[in-house]
């Protein structure tokens, strides 16, 4: 008698699992694991590709996600799936990446340490620039169109280097006090350290799943990263990006919160961080007390702050909620000392300062209203509202120019760039660098002689203007140049730019 061969249980289970997966192959979870997980991670936390979680997708809309999945993304590793999936399957994937996962993802100490990458130098021992341009008059231009950064010479306006960046850099790059090293933060938590002398990446680490921004201490020792997910601050060694400390973002009442932003307060030798979900601001010392574990000084407020501005001495913090409620916090006293009557949605992080008559004024655009608010910084009273052609996003100036520049980022006049006389407080000229296309984000050269404007489009450009005559000097093609950052102006905390 012949005995039947008995199949092992493990093989039977595997066969059942395969059959079940085949039956569910049209489900978005299965489609994702088959076609997306190898680049974006099984839990959508990102690998070589970015994290695909709702909060990490930024301003991407579902219809745009559908086109991206179907057609791919030019100049990236993102391939199109039009030949592999039908439109219904592609739509189910687009819907899927906009859904929250069943379990809140986490990114802890072991994850951070395991993610760190160091890169061998192509110029070992090289401690002087490998180029002839003035290293303090360089611009780093973030090109969001194809996720690259261009290094632009601020004298010749020639691109001397271009390199790929992580997906969706968030916030401006942060320079150390020498201007040699710069740190980038991506929306999905990657921190990249770049050597501007050697023109090469030094190290990278993933400090979170969804990062808001980062700040480097004035002594060059520490980098602090503010995260939306997980709810924490991460302290890194600025030398090699190794982990120093994780600080859970929990307010004085025990409530967990996201971090709105973190800044370096250079004169105070401390970081200033604000909580997104609780009315609280923290001052975290990195000076002599850093060895004691970065002690936190809590300042309780009346409302949550979403946007921020510091005076030049970092003694006063002006913050506002998305509802426009503004308050001035004296960081020395640890209390609110004024409540400016700002309406709309002031974009304080784009605010600038200049000398006006016998006082200093703060000028800030508004994200909802076509107006520039001019505030007397001695009284915090609004001394003028300058009407513009629509809501603006960025405002910039320089100590060596009589003008302040502001964009009209939203609406039908998005191609307009207003130039304001800083003493008459009047618009003296309205430029249209590229009619019909968004013009935005002005930055000045080291000496203030030239203003650089971004044409915020895929077929965009940097348009260089003489800051005295307001005439165009040069136009440099770029792929959606969302921001450009001058080394000298940033490390010297120019009153005409963000810090």
Foldseek 3Di string as FASTA:
>chain_A
DDDDDDDDPVVVVVVVVVVVLVVCCLQLLNVCVVPPCVAQNNQQLGDVAHRLAQQQVPPDDLVNQLCCQQPNAPLDPTHHCVVPDPSVSSSNNSVVSHDHDPDADAADQVNQQVFKDFDDAPDPPDPAAPDDADLQFWKWFQFLRNQKIFIARNPVRDTPDMGHHHHAWADDWEAALVSQWIWIAHQQAKIWIAGRRRGGTGMITRPFGGWHDWEAFNVRQWIWTFGQPPQWIWIAGSVRRRGDDIGFQADPVRHGFGWLDWYHQHLVQWIWTFTQPFQKIWTFHPPPCVVVPRDIDIQGDDDGFNAWAADPNNQWIWTADQQGWIFIAGPVVSGTDDTEPGGAGWRRLQWFWDDEDPFIWIWTFHQFAQWIFIAGPVHRYTPDIAGHPAGWHHKFAFPQAQWIKTARCDDPRQQWIFIAGNHVRYTPDIDRPDPPFHKGEWDAGLNRQKIWIWRQAQQIWIWIAGRHVRDTDDTGTGGRRPYMDRNNCNSVVTSGGGD
